[in-house]
Protein backbone atom coordinates (compact mmCIF):
# COMPACT_ATOMS: atom_id res chain seq x y z
CA MET A 1 -11.85 139.37 -98.81
CA LEU A 2 -14.97 141.45 -98.63
CA ASP A 3 -15.66 140.77 -94.96
CA HIS A 4 -12.15 141.76 -93.80
CA GLN A 5 -12.13 144.89 -91.62
CA PRO A 6 -9.09 147.12 -91.05
CA PRO A 7 -7.78 147.20 -87.51
CA HIS A 8 -9.56 149.70 -85.28
CA THR A 9 -7.33 152.73 -84.57
CA GLY A 10 -9.49 154.42 -81.99
CA ALA A 11 -10.11 157.44 -84.28
CA SER A 12 -13.71 158.45 -84.87
CA PRO A 13 -14.05 160.43 -88.12
CA SER A 14 -16.75 163.03 -88.24
CA GLY A 15 -19.99 162.43 -90.12
CA ALA A 16 -19.07 165.14 -92.65
CA GLY A 17 -15.71 163.49 -93.38
CA ARG A 18 -17.33 160.16 -93.85
CA ALA A 19 -19.87 161.67 -96.25
CA ARG A 20 -17.16 163.39 -98.33
CA ARG A 21 -15.15 160.21 -98.61
CA ARG A 22 -18.28 158.22 -99.46
CA ARG A 23 -19.23 160.68 -102.28
CA ARG A 24 -15.66 160.62 -103.59
CA GLY A 25 -15.66 156.83 -103.48
CA LEU A 26 -18.96 156.70 -105.34
CA ARG A 27 -17.65 159.03 -108.06
CA ILE A 28 -14.50 156.97 -108.49
CA ALA A 29 -16.54 153.78 -108.67
CA ALA A 30 -18.97 155.31 -111.17
CA TRP A 31 -16.22 156.58 -113.49
CA SER A 32 -14.35 153.30 -113.18
CA ALA A 33 -17.46 151.35 -114.06
CA ALA A 34 -18.14 153.65 -117.03
CA GLY A 35 -14.59 153.19 -118.23
CA VAL A 36 -14.80 149.42 -117.97
CA VAL A 37 -18.09 149.40 -119.87
CA LEU A 38 -16.77 151.65 -122.66
CA LEU A 39 -13.48 149.79 -122.96
CA GLY A 40 -15.31 146.48 -122.76
CA ALA A 41 -17.69 147.49 -125.53
CA ALA A 42 -14.86 148.65 -127.75
CA GLY A 43 -12.86 145.53 -126.92
CA ALA A 44 -15.83 143.29 -127.60
CA GLY A 45 -16.33 144.95 -130.97
CA TYR A 46 -12.68 144.48 -131.86
CA VAL A 47 -12.70 140.87 -130.67
CA TYR A 48 -15.91 140.13 -132.56
CA HIS A 49 -14.65 141.53 -135.87
CA ARG A 50 -11.23 139.92 -135.54
CA LEU A 51 -12.60 136.46 -134.76
CA ASP A 52 -15.34 136.78 -137.36
CA ALA A 53 -12.78 137.75 -140.02
CA ASN A 54 -10.67 134.69 -139.16
CA ILE A 55 -13.33 132.22 -140.23
CA HIS A 56 -13.31 130.72 -143.71
CA SER A 57 -16.51 128.96 -144.72
CA VAL A 58 -17.94 126.99 -147.65
CA ASP A 59 -21.57 127.11 -148.80
CA ILE A 60 -22.08 123.36 -148.97
CA ASP A 61 -25.88 123.46 -148.99
CA GLY A 62 -25.89 125.98 -151.83
CA ALA A 63 -23.44 123.88 -153.84
CA LEU A 64 -25.54 120.73 -153.41
CA HIS A 65 -28.73 122.61 -154.37
CA GLY A 66 -30.74 121.02 -151.58
CA HIS A 67 -30.34 117.46 -152.93
CA ARG A 68 -29.54 116.12 -149.50
CA PRO A 69 -31.03 113.88 -146.81
CA ALA A 70 -33.64 115.61 -144.68
CA PRO A 71 -32.59 116.88 -141.22
CA LEU A 72 -33.46 114.43 -138.45
CA GLY A 73 -35.41 117.03 -136.49
CA ASN A 74 -34.98 115.20 -133.17
CA GLY A 75 -32.63 117.69 -131.52
CA SER A 76 -29.44 115.85 -132.49
CA SER A 77 -26.73 117.15 -134.84
CA ASP A 78 -24.26 115.44 -137.15
CA ILE A 79 -20.96 117.16 -138.00
CA LEU A 80 -18.41 115.92 -140.51
CA VAL A 81 -14.92 116.70 -139.18
CA LEU A 82 -12.03 116.34 -141.63
CA GLY A 83 -8.30 116.64 -141.16
CA SER A 84 -6.72 117.76 -144.43
CA ASP A 85 -3.27 116.56 -145.49
CA SER A 86 -2.61 119.58 -147.68
CA ARG A 87 1.09 120.32 -148.20
CA SER A 88 0.57 123.86 -149.43
CA GLY A 89 1.66 127.04 -147.63
CA ALA A 90 2.83 126.42 -144.07
CA ASN A 91 2.18 122.68 -144.51
CA ARG A 92 5.02 122.22 -147.04
CA GLU A 93 7.33 120.87 -144.34
CA TYR A 94 5.21 117.69 -144.27
CA GLY A 95 5.88 116.70 -147.87
CA HIS A 96 5.84 117.74 -151.50
CA ASP A 97 2.99 120.04 -152.51
CA SER A 98 1.25 118.21 -155.37
CA GLY A 99 -1.45 120.86 -155.62
CA THR A 100 -4.09 118.56 -154.14
CA ALA A 101 -5.07 117.35 -150.68
CA ARG A 102 -6.95 114.41 -149.23
CA SER A 103 -8.88 113.90 -146.04
CA ASP A 104 -6.23 112.37 -143.83
CA THR A 105 -8.72 111.98 -140.96
CA ALA A 106 -12.50 111.76 -141.14
CA MET A 107 -14.94 111.62 -138.24
CA ILE A 108 -18.70 111.96 -138.05
CA VAL A 109 -19.52 113.57 -134.72
CA HIS A 110 -23.09 112.83 -133.66
CA LEU A 111 -24.24 115.16 -130.89
CA ALA A 112 -27.20 113.64 -129.09
CA LYS A 113 -30.19 115.76 -128.13
CA GLY A 114 -29.12 118.20 -125.41
CA HIS A 115 -25.46 117.82 -126.50
CA ARG A 116 -24.45 116.10 -123.26
CA LYS A 117 -23.55 112.86 -125.05
CA ALA A 118 -21.92 112.17 -128.37
CA THR A 119 -20.87 109.38 -130.70
CA VAL A 120 -17.81 109.73 -132.94
CA VAL A 121 -17.61 107.42 -135.94
CA SER A 122 -14.24 107.37 -137.70
CA ILE A 123 -14.14 106.51 -141.40
CA PRO A 124 -10.85 104.91 -142.48
CA ARG A 125 -9.34 106.91 -145.31
CA ASP A 126 -8.61 103.69 -147.27
CA THR A 127 -12.27 102.62 -147.25
CA LEU A 128 -13.62 101.73 -150.69
CA VAL A 129 -16.90 103.56 -151.27
CA ALA A 130 -19.26 104.55 -154.06
CA ARG A 131 -18.23 108.12 -154.70
CA PRO A 132 -20.97 110.22 -156.31
CA ALA A 133 -20.46 112.54 -159.24
CA CYS A 134 -18.94 115.79 -158.02
CA THR A 135 -17.69 119.12 -159.27
CA GLY A 136 -13.96 119.73 -159.23
CA PRO A 137 -12.31 122.86 -157.80
CA LYS A 138 -12.24 124.54 -161.25
CA GLY A 139 -15.83 123.63 -162.09
CA ALA A 140 -15.03 120.50 -164.08
CA ALA A 141 -17.39 117.55 -163.73
CA VAL A 142 -15.94 114.55 -161.86
CA PRO A 143 -17.74 111.29 -162.75
CA ALA A 144 -19.00 108.89 -160.09
CA ALA A 145 -16.80 105.95 -159.12
CA SER A 146 -17.98 102.64 -157.65
CA GLN A 147 -14.76 101.60 -155.89
CA ALA A 148 -13.02 104.80 -154.89
CA MET A 149 -10.96 105.38 -151.78
CA PHE A 150 -12.93 107.50 -149.35
CA ASN A 151 -10.29 110.18 -149.02
CA SER A 152 -10.25 110.73 -152.78
CA ALA A 153 -13.63 112.52 -152.52
CA TYR A 154 -11.98 115.52 -150.89
CA GLU A 155 -9.11 115.36 -153.35
CA VAL A 156 -11.31 115.62 -156.46
CA GLY A 157 -14.10 117.86 -155.14
CA GLY A 158 -13.11 119.42 -151.82
CA PRO A 159 -15.48 119.78 -148.85
CA VAL A 160 -18.65 119.63 -150.98
CA CYS A 161 -17.73 116.28 -152.52
CA ALA A 162 -16.62 114.93 -149.12
CA VAL A 163 -19.98 115.83 -147.57
CA LYS A 164 -21.88 114.45 -150.56
CA THR A 165 -19.97 111.16 -150.32
CA VAL A 166 -20.60 110.82 -146.58
CA GLU A 167 -24.30 111.58 -146.97
CA GLN A 168 -24.59 108.95 -149.69
CA LEU A 169 -22.69 106.44 -147.55
CA THR A 170 -24.74 107.03 -144.40
CA GLY A 171 -28.10 108.33 -145.53
CA LEU A 172 -27.68 111.02 -142.89
CA ARG A 173 -27.55 114.75 -143.43
CA MET A 174 -24.35 116.40 -142.21
CA ASP A 175 -25.70 119.44 -140.37
CA HIS A 176 -22.26 121.02 -140.28
CA TYR A 177 -18.73 120.68 -141.63
CA VAL A 178 -15.42 121.46 -139.91
CA GLU A 179 -11.97 121.07 -141.46
CA VAL A 180 -8.52 121.61 -139.97
CA ASP A 181 -5.09 121.21 -141.62
CA PHE A 182 -1.72 120.20 -140.17
CA THR A 183 -0.60 123.70 -139.22
CA GLY A 184 -3.96 124.65 -137.71
CA PHE A 185 -3.93 121.50 -135.59
CA LYS A 186 -0.42 122.22 -134.30
CA ASP A 187 -1.22 125.84 -133.53
CA LEU A 188 -4.33 124.91 -131.56
CA VAL A 189 -2.46 122.37 -129.41
CA ASN A 190 0.32 124.88 -128.73
CA THR A 191 -2.17 127.61 -127.79
CA LEU A 192 -3.72 125.21 -125.29
CA GLY A 193 -0.30 124.84 -123.69
CA GLY A 194 0.03 121.24 -124.84
CA VAL A 195 -2.10 118.18 -124.18
CA PRO A 196 -1.25 115.84 -121.28
CA LEU A 197 -1.48 112.11 -121.86
CA THR A 198 0.23 108.90 -120.86
CA THR A 199 1.74 106.32 -123.19
CA THR A 200 1.82 102.77 -121.88
CA ALA A 201 4.50 101.81 -124.43
CA ALA A 202 7.24 103.65 -126.30
CA ILE A 203 6.35 105.09 -129.71
CA HIS A 204 9.15 105.66 -132.23
CA ASP A 205 8.30 106.69 -135.78
CA PRO A 206 10.90 108.64 -137.80
CA LYS A 207 8.36 109.18 -140.62
CA SER A 208 6.07 111.21 -138.38
CA HIS A 209 9.00 112.63 -136.34
CA LEU A 210 7.66 111.08 -133.14
CA ASP A 211 9.81 109.73 -130.34
CA LEU A 212 7.98 109.12 -127.06
CA ALA A 213 9.09 106.92 -124.20
CA ALA A 214 6.50 105.11 -122.13
CA GLY A 215 5.22 107.47 -119.46
CA THR A 216 3.48 110.78 -118.93
CA HIS A 217 3.91 113.59 -121.44
CA LYS A 218 2.52 117.00 -122.30
CA LEU A 219 2.55 116.90 -126.08
CA ASP A 220 3.24 120.10 -127.97
CA GLY A 221 1.72 120.70 -131.40
CA GLU A 222 4.43 118.91 -133.35
CA GLN A 223 4.32 115.85 -131.10
CA ALA A 224 0.53 115.75 -131.14
CA LEU A 225 0.50 115.89 -134.93
CA GLY A 226 3.06 113.09 -135.04
CA LEU A 227 0.89 110.98 -132.74
CA VAL A 228 -2.30 111.29 -134.79
CA ARG A 229 -0.39 110.68 -138.04
CA THR A 230 1.81 107.74 -137.02
CA ARG A 231 1.16 104.37 -138.57
CA HIS A 232 4.50 102.67 -138.08
CA GLY A 233 5.42 103.58 -134.53
CA VAL A 234 2.86 101.37 -132.83
CA GLY A 235 0.50 98.52 -133.64
CA ASP A 236 0.32 96.73 -137.01
CA GLY A 237 1.04 99.79 -139.14
CA SER A 238 -2.50 99.99 -140.46
CA ASP A 239 -4.78 103.00 -140.76
CA LEU A 240 -7.16 101.24 -138.36
CA GLY A 241 -4.55 101.37 -135.61
CA ARG A 242 -3.85 105.02 -136.29
CA ILE A 243 -7.56 105.80 -135.96
CA GLN A 244 -7.54 104.39 -132.44
CA LEU A 245 -4.67 106.73 -131.55
CA GLN A 246 -6.63 109.65 -133.01
CA GLN A 247 -9.69 108.75 -130.96
CA ALA A 248 -7.65 108.45 -127.77
CA PHE A 249 -6.00 111.80 -128.44
CA LEU A 250 -9.37 113.43 -129.10
CA LYS A 251 -10.52 112.46 -125.61
CA ALA A 252 -7.29 113.83 -124.12
CA LEU A 253 -7.85 117.05 -126.06
CA MET A 254 -11.39 117.37 -124.71
CA ASP A 255 -10.11 116.86 -121.17
CA ARG A 256 -7.45 119.51 -121.71
CA ILE A 257 -9.92 122.11 -122.99
CA GLY A 258 -12.36 121.32 -120.20
CA GLY A 259 -9.65 121.68 -117.56
CA LEU A 260 -8.38 125.10 -118.62
CA GLY A 261 -11.25 127.06 -117.12
CA LEU A 262 -11.60 129.20 -120.23
CA THR A 263 -14.89 130.74 -119.10
CA THR A 264 -13.10 132.42 -116.17
CA ASN A 265 -9.96 133.43 -118.08
CA PRO A 266 -10.88 135.96 -120.82
CA ALA A 267 -7.32 136.37 -122.09
CA LYS A 268 -6.83 132.62 -122.53
CA LEU A 269 -10.31 132.27 -124.01
CA PHE A 270 -9.53 134.92 -126.64
CA SER A 271 -6.17 133.29 -127.45
CA VAL A 272 -7.78 129.88 -127.95
CA ALA A 273 -10.70 131.34 -129.90
CA ASP A 274 -8.34 133.36 -132.13
CA THR A 275 -6.27 130.29 -132.94
CA ALA A 276 -9.28 128.02 -133.40
CA THR A 277 -11.06 130.38 -135.79
CA ARG A 278 -7.88 130.79 -137.84
CA SER A 279 -7.36 127.03 -137.93
CA VAL A 280 -10.68 125.81 -139.29
CA THR A 281 -12.82 125.91 -142.40
CA THR A 282 -16.53 125.45 -141.75
CA ASP A 283 -19.81 125.31 -143.62
CA THR A 284 -21.69 128.60 -143.80
CA GLY A 285 -23.99 127.36 -141.04
CA LEU A 286 -21.02 127.80 -138.69
CA GLY A 287 -19.42 130.62 -140.65
CA SER A 288 -19.62 133.36 -138.02
CA ILE A 289 -18.31 133.83 -134.52
CA ASN A 290 -21.87 133.96 -133.15
CA LYS A 291 -22.70 130.58 -134.68
CA LEU A 292 -19.44 128.99 -133.55
CA MET A 293 -19.89 130.40 -130.04
CA GLY A 294 -23.42 129.01 -129.98
CA LEU A 295 -22.10 125.55 -130.82
CA ALA A 296 -19.28 125.82 -128.27
CA GLN A 297 -21.69 126.92 -125.53
CA SER A 298 -23.99 124.01 -126.32
CA LEU A 299 -21.07 121.64 -125.70
CA GLN A 300 -19.99 123.01 -122.31
CA HIS A 301 -21.51 120.03 -120.47
CA LEU A 302 -20.12 117.41 -122.86
CA HIS A 303 -17.29 115.45 -121.22
CA SER A 304 -15.00 112.81 -122.72
CA GLY A 305 -16.55 110.13 -120.53
CA ASN A 306 -19.84 110.65 -122.37
CA VAL A 307 -18.32 110.28 -125.84
CA GLN A 308 -18.56 106.91 -127.57
CA MET A 309 -15.74 106.30 -130.04
CA VAL A 310 -16.22 103.73 -132.80
CA THR A 311 -14.78 103.02 -136.22
CA LEU A 312 -16.95 102.27 -139.24
CA PRO A 313 -17.26 98.44 -139.32
CA VAL A 314 -15.00 97.27 -142.15
CA ARG A 315 -13.31 94.19 -143.52
CA TYR A 316 -10.15 93.96 -145.60
CA ASP A 317 -10.74 93.97 -149.34
CA PRO A 318 -10.00 90.44 -150.65
CA ALA A 319 -8.42 91.91 -153.79
CA ASP A 320 -6.17 94.37 -151.93
CA PRO A 321 -5.21 93.98 -148.24
CA ASN A 322 -4.24 97.68 -148.17
CA ARG A 323 -7.90 98.64 -148.63
CA VAL A 324 -10.99 98.04 -146.52
CA GLU A 325 -14.68 97.96 -147.40
CA PRO A 326 -17.72 98.63 -145.23
CA MET A 327 -19.61 95.68 -143.76
CA PRO A 328 -23.15 96.46 -145.01
CA ARG A 329 -25.22 94.94 -142.19
CA GLN A 330 -23.06 96.25 -139.38
CA ALA A 331 -22.65 99.68 -140.97
CA ALA A 332 -26.43 99.91 -141.29
CA MET A 333 -26.66 99.33 -137.53
CA VAL A 334 -24.33 102.27 -136.92
CA TRP A 335 -26.32 104.67 -139.09
CA ALA A 336 -29.62 103.45 -137.63
CA ALA A 337 -28.37 104.12 -134.09
CA MET A 338 -27.36 107.66 -135.04
CA ARG A 339 -30.68 108.24 -136.78
CA ALA A 340 -32.50 107.11 -133.62
CA ASP A 341 -30.18 109.25 -131.44
CA ARG A 342 -28.91 106.23 -129.56
CA PRO A 343 -25.44 104.80 -128.82
CA VAL A 344 -24.00 102.40 -131.39
CA PRO A 345 -24.62 98.82 -130.16
CA ALA A 346 -21.60 96.61 -129.51
CA ALA A 347 -22.89 94.08 -132.05
CA ALA A 348 -22.29 96.62 -134.83
CA THR A 349 -18.50 96.59 -134.40
CA LYS A 350 -17.91 93.10 -132.97
CA ASP A 351 -16.56 91.43 -136.13
CA SER A 352 -14.99 94.50 -137.70
CA ALA A 353 -11.32 94.47 -138.68
CA ALA A 354 -10.95 97.57 -136.53
CA SER A 355 -11.92 95.57 -133.43
CA ARG A 356 -8.89 93.33 -133.88
CA THR A 357 -6.39 96.07 -133.13
CA ASP A 358 -5.78 97.47 -129.65
CA THR A 359 -3.48 100.38 -130.54
CA GLY A 360 -5.73 102.76 -128.63
CA ARG A 361 -4.66 101.18 -125.36
CA VAL A 362 -1.20 102.65 -125.81
CA VAL A 363 -2.56 106.13 -125.02
CA GLU A 364 -4.37 107.15 -121.85
CA SER A 365 -5.98 110.54 -121.37
CA GLY A 366 -4.26 112.85 -118.92
CA PRO A 367 -1.30 112.17 -116.64
CA ALA A 368 -0.76 108.87 -114.96
CA PRO A 369 -2.39 108.61 -111.53
CA THR A 370 -0.10 109.23 -108.59
CA PRO A 371 0.42 105.98 -106.71
CA ALA A 372 -0.84 105.92 -103.16
CA PRO A 373 1.90 106.02 -100.49
CA LYS A 374 2.83 102.66 -99.08
CA ARG A 375 1.89 102.02 -95.53
CA PRO A 376 4.77 101.27 -93.17
C-alpha cells in the first residue's frame, strides 16, 4: 500500500545521499514510463490491426440501394442478430454440408435511447412470412414468396435478404446486423470460461448432445450450443420452447460478461475481443474495431434485469401445425412499441402460442442461491 512506511532503523542518511537516490529513482521512473508508453503504443497498434482484420462485414445498405425504412432518429437502435446453422468448415460436425445455411436463431435487439434498457424480440424460424424478392449468392434473382418460412430468407439470399425480410415484416429499419455460427458461438463461450446457470429440471437430448442434471452448471461451449439448439430435451419439442431457452441463456451470458471485470483485465479483454471479432459477421456500419468498441462501450450500463424478452406473437398455422404465422394485431403492437422506444405491452403477447409454453423456467441465470444456515 502507498501509505505503508518501512520500519525506522535509526539511520539518518545525508541530504546528498537522499538527493542522489531521488535523482536515480526519477530516472528509473522516467525510463520505465517511456518504455511502457512505447510498448503500449506498439501493442495497441498490433491489437488494433489484429482485431480489425478479424472482422468480416457485409454492405447491406449498399446492396439494398437505400430502399429501406427511414431511421427512427429518437436515439434508439435496432439490431438484427442471427445465428446461422451453416454446416460448412468447422461446423461440419453438426450435420451434412448441403452448401446452404438458414437462420437457426433470429432476434431483433432494440436498444432504447441511452442504451440502458433493451427489448429482444425473437422470431421463430418456422414463421410463415411474405418474403420479398431477393438476390441469391451468385447474383441470381430470387422471386418473392407469400408463404415462406422465415429462415428461408437467409438461405436464398444471405444477410441482405434476411434484413430485407425483417424490415418488410416490421416496418422498422435494422440499424445493424450481427451474425454468429455454431463454431463462433462455442468459441466465445469457452473464451469466457463458460457460462454459469441453473437448471430446475434435467435436460437430456441426444440429438443436440446435451445431458444436464437438475442443478447448477458452468456450461462450456459445446453444452451451451446444445442448450440453445435443443428442441426435444425439454418442453413440448417446439421451436417456441427452444426460443425461451435461448432467451434465458442470453441473460445468463450477459451476466457472465458483466461479471468478468473485463475493463480491469486487459489480457482477458483482448482474448474475448479476439474471439468475438473472429466469431461474427456484421454490417459495414459495425465493420471495424472502432465501431464495435463504440457499440460495446455504449452497452456497459445495460444489465440483464433491464432487458425485456418477448417472442413475436404467433399462432399455429391451421394447415400445418409445424408452422406458425404472425398475429397481425398483436405483432403491430410490438412494432409500434419499438418505434415509440417503449417496452412491449403485455397485451401484445397474451394470446400468443409462445405464451403457452414455460420452457424458459427450466433455466435460471447464474448459480443457485446458497441457502441460509438453519438456526439451532
